[in-house]
Amino acid sequence: MDKELTVEEFADFVRFMRKSINLSQIAFVQVIGVEVSTIGRWELAKMMPTDIYATVQDIREAVKSTIRNKSA
């Protein structure tokens, strides 16, 4: 059985992923395609996206792509 992700866990995940590639919130939104205010609310654990698992996957893919581009 899958454990539900809490808003605090999601906030930690977003912050960790953004910081792992050394991006500001403004730069990160350009990579993942959301509004700056959305990232702020996510990182402050004020809200979560409707489709949490699709968003987590999108963030993971964006971070992987950024890492690949920096390594090239």
N, C-alpha and C. Protein backbone atom coordinates (compact mmCIF):
# COMPACT_ATOMS: atom_id res chain seq x y z
N MET A 1 0.85 -1.18 0.00
CA MET A 1 0.00 0.00 0.00
C MET A 1 0.90 1.24 0.00
N ASP A 2 0.56 2.21 -0.87
CA ASP A 2 1.33 3.45 -0.95
C ASP A 2 0.96 4.38 0.19
N LYS A 3 1.97 5.02 0.75
CA LYS A 3 1.77 6.01 1.80
C LYS A 3 1.43 7.34 1.14
N GLU A 4 0.44 8.03 1.66
CA GLU A 4 0.10 9.35 1.15
C GLU A 4 1.19 10.35 1.52
N LEU A 5 1.52 11.21 0.61
CA LEU A 5 2.52 12.25 0.83
C LEU A 5 1.86 13.41 1.56
N THR A 6 2.43 13.85 2.67
CA THR A 6 1.87 14.98 3.40
C THR A 6 2.33 16.29 2.76
N VAL A 7 1.64 17.36 3.07
CA VAL A 7 2.01 18.66 2.53
C VAL A 7 3.41 19.07 2.99
N GLU A 8 3.78 18.69 4.20
CA GLU A 8 5.13 19.00 4.72
C GLU A 8 6.19 18.20 3.97
N GLU A 9 5.91 16.94 3.69
CA GLU A 9 6.86 16.11 2.94
C GLU A 9 7.03 16.64 1.52
N PHE A 10 5.93 17.06 0.93
CA PHE A 10 6.01 17.63 -0.42
C PHE A 10 6.82 18.93 -0.40
N ALA A 11 6.60 19.77 0.60
CA ALA A 11 7.35 21.02 0.73
C ALA A 11 8.85 20.73 0.84
N ASP A 12 9.21 19.76 1.66
CA ASP A 12 10.61 19.38 1.82
C ASP A 12 11.19 18.86 0.50
N PHE A 13 10.41 18.06 -0.21
CA PHE A 13 10.85 17.51 -1.49
C PHE A 13 11.14 18.62 -2.49
N VAL A 14 10.20 19.55 -2.65
CA VAL A 14 10.36 20.63 -3.62
C VAL A 14 11.59 21.46 -3.27
N ARG A 15 11.72 21.83 -2.01
CA ARG A 15 12.86 22.65 -1.57
C ARG A 15 14.17 21.91 -1.80
N PHE A 16 14.21 20.63 -1.44
CA PHE A 16 15.41 19.82 -1.61
C PHE A 16 15.80 19.73 -3.09
N MET A 17 14.83 19.44 -3.95
CA MET A 17 15.12 19.30 -5.37
C MET A 17 15.62 20.62 -5.96
N ARG A 18 14.99 21.72 -5.59
CA ARG A 18 15.42 23.03 -6.10
C ARG A 18 16.84 23.35 -5.65
N LYS A 19 17.10 23.14 -4.37
CA LYS A 19 18.42 23.47 -3.83
C LYS A 19 19.50 22.50 -4.34
N SER A 20 19.10 21.28 -4.68
CA SER A 20 20.09 20.30 -5.16
C SER A 20 20.73 20.73 -6.47
N ILE A 21 20.04 21.60 -7.21
CA ILE A 21 20.61 22.09 -8.46
C ILE A 21 20.93 23.59 -8.36
N ASN A 22 20.96 24.08 -7.13
CA ASN A 22 21.38 25.45 -6.84
C ASN A 22 20.61 26.51 -7.61
N LEU A 23 19.28 26.39 -7.61
CA LEU A 23 18.45 27.37 -8.29
C LEU A 23 17.62 28.18 -7.30
N SER A 24 17.42 29.44 -7.64
CA SER A 24 16.48 30.26 -6.88
C SER A 24 15.06 29.81 -7.23
N GLN A 25 14.08 30.28 -6.48
CA GLN A 25 12.70 29.94 -6.82
C GLN A 25 12.36 30.46 -8.22
N ILE A 26 12.83 31.65 -8.55
CA ILE A 26 12.53 32.24 -9.86
C ILE A 26 13.12 31.40 -10.98
N ALA A 27 14.35 30.96 -10.83
CA ALA A 27 14.97 30.11 -11.85
C ALA A 27 14.29 28.75 -11.92
N PHE A 28 13.90 28.22 -10.77
CA PHE A 28 13.27 26.89 -10.72
C PHE A 28 11.92 26.89 -11.44
N VAL A 29 11.14 27.95 -11.29
CA VAL A 29 9.84 27.98 -11.97
C VAL A 29 10.01 27.98 -13.48
N GLN A 30 11.10 28.55 -13.97
CA GLN A 30 11.35 28.53 -15.41
C GLN A 30 11.66 27.12 -15.88
N VAL A 31 12.24 26.31 -15.01
CA VAL A 31 12.57 24.93 -15.35
C VAL A 31 11.33 24.04 -15.31
N ILE A 32 10.47 24.22 -14.30
CA ILE A 32 9.33 23.32 -14.15
C ILE A 32 8.01 23.88 -14.66
N GLY A 33 7.98 25.18 -14.98
CA GLY A 33 6.80 25.74 -15.63
C GLY A 33 5.61 26.05 -14.74
N VAL A 34 5.86 26.54 -13.53
CA VAL A 34 4.77 27.00 -12.67
C VAL A 34 5.05 28.44 -12.25
N GLU A 35 4.09 29.05 -11.59
CA GLU A 35 4.25 30.43 -11.13
C GLU A 35 5.16 30.49 -9.89
N VAL A 36 5.84 31.62 -9.72
CA VAL A 36 6.70 31.82 -8.54
C VAL A 36 5.88 31.68 -7.26
N SER A 37 4.68 32.23 -7.26
CA SER A 37 3.84 32.14 -6.05
C SER A 37 3.49 30.69 -5.72
N THR A 38 3.38 29.87 -6.75
CA THR A 38 3.08 28.44 -6.52
C THR A 38 4.23 27.76 -5.80
N ILE A 39 5.46 28.00 -6.27
CA ILE A 39 6.63 27.41 -5.60
C ILE A 39 6.70 27.88 -4.16
N GLY A 40 6.45 29.15 -3.94
CA GLY A 40 6.47 29.69 -2.58
C GLY A 40 5.46 28.99 -1.68
N ARG A 41 4.26 28.81 -2.18
CA ARG A 41 3.23 28.11 -1.38
C ARG A 41 3.58 26.65 -1.16
N TRP A 42 4.16 26.02 -2.19
CA TRP A 42 4.58 24.62 -2.02
C TRP A 42 5.66 24.51 -0.95
N GLU A 43 6.68 25.35 -1.04
CA GLU A 43 7.80 25.26 -0.10
C GLU A 43 7.42 25.67 1.32
N LEU A 44 6.39 26.48 1.46
CA LEU A 44 5.91 26.86 2.79
C LEU A 44 4.84 25.91 3.32
N ALA A 45 4.59 24.84 2.59
CA ALA A 45 3.59 23.84 2.96
C ALA A 45 2.20 24.45 3.10
N LYS A 46 1.89 25.39 2.20
CA LYS A 46 0.57 26.03 2.21
C LYS A 46 -0.40 25.33 1.27
N MET A 47 0.14 24.61 0.30
CA MET A 47 -0.72 23.90 -0.65
C MET A 47 0.08 22.82 -1.36
N MET A 48 -0.67 21.91 -1.99
CA MET A 48 -0.08 20.88 -2.84
C MET A 48 -0.82 20.87 -4.16
N PRO A 49 -0.17 20.42 -5.23
CA PRO A 49 -0.87 20.35 -6.51
C PRO A 49 -1.96 19.27 -6.48
N THR A 50 -2.91 19.41 -7.36
CA THR A 50 -4.01 18.44 -7.44
C THR A 50 -3.48 17.05 -7.78
N ASP A 51 -2.63 16.97 -8.77
CA ASP A 51 -2.04 15.70 -9.18
C ASP A 51 -0.61 15.64 -8.64
N ILE A 52 -0.50 15.30 -7.38
CA ILE A 52 0.78 15.33 -6.67
C ILE A 52 1.83 14.44 -7.33
N TYR A 53 1.45 13.25 -7.75
CA TYR A 53 2.43 12.31 -8.27
C TYR A 53 2.93 12.72 -9.65
N ALA A 54 2.08 13.30 -10.47
CA ALA A 54 2.52 13.82 -11.77
C ALA A 54 3.47 14.99 -11.57
N THR A 55 3.19 15.84 -10.59
CA THR A 55 4.05 16.99 -10.30
C THR A 55 5.40 16.54 -9.79
N VAL A 56 5.41 15.56 -8.90
CA VAL A 56 6.68 15.01 -8.39
C VAL A 56 7.50 14.45 -9.56
N GLN A 57 6.86 13.74 -10.45
CA GLN A 57 7.57 13.19 -11.61
C GLN A 57 8.11 14.30 -12.50
N ASP A 58 7.31 15.34 -12.73
CA ASP A 58 7.76 16.47 -13.55
C ASP A 58 8.98 17.15 -12.92
N ILE A 59 8.95 17.33 -11.61
CA ILE A 59 10.08 17.96 -10.91
C ILE A 59 11.32 17.09 -11.02
N ARG A 60 11.15 15.78 -10.81
CA ARG A 60 12.29 14.87 -10.92
C ARG A 60 12.91 14.92 -12.31
N GLU A 61 12.07 14.91 -13.34
CA GLU A 61 12.58 14.95 -14.72
C GLU A 61 13.27 16.27 -15.01
N ALA A 62 12.72 17.37 -14.53
CA ALA A 62 13.32 18.68 -14.75
C ALA A 62 14.68 18.78 -14.07
N VAL A 63 14.78 18.25 -12.87
CA VAL A 63 16.05 18.28 -12.14
C VAL A 63 17.08 17.40 -12.85
N LYS A 64 16.67 16.21 -13.28
CA LYS A 64 17.60 15.34 -14.01
C LYS A 64 18.10 16.01 -15.28
N SER A 65 17.20 16.65 -15.99
CA SER A 65 17.57 17.34 -17.23
C SER A 65 18.55 18.47 -16.95
N THR A 66 18.30 19.22 -15.87
CA THR A 66 19.19 20.32 -15.51
C THR A 66 20.58 19.81 -15.15
N ILE A 67 20.62 18.71 -14.43
CA ILE A 67 21.91 18.11 -14.06
C ILE A 67 22.65 17.64 -15.31
N ARG A 68 21.95 17.00 -16.23
CA ARG A 68 22.58 16.54 -17.47
C ARG A 68 23.14 17.71 -18.26
N ASN A 69 22.37 18.79 -18.34
CA ASN A 69 22.81 19.97 -19.10
C ASN A 69 24.02 20.63 -18.46
N LYS A 70 24.09 20.64 -17.14
CA LYS A 70 25.24 21.24 -16.44
C LYS A 70 26.48 20.36 -16.62
N SER A 71 26.29 19.07 -16.78
CA SER A 71 27.42 18.15 -16.92
C SER A 71 27.99 18.15 -18.33
N ALA A 72 27.17 18.57 -19.27
CA ALA A 72 27.59 18.51 -20.69
C ALA A 72 28.61 19.57 -21.04
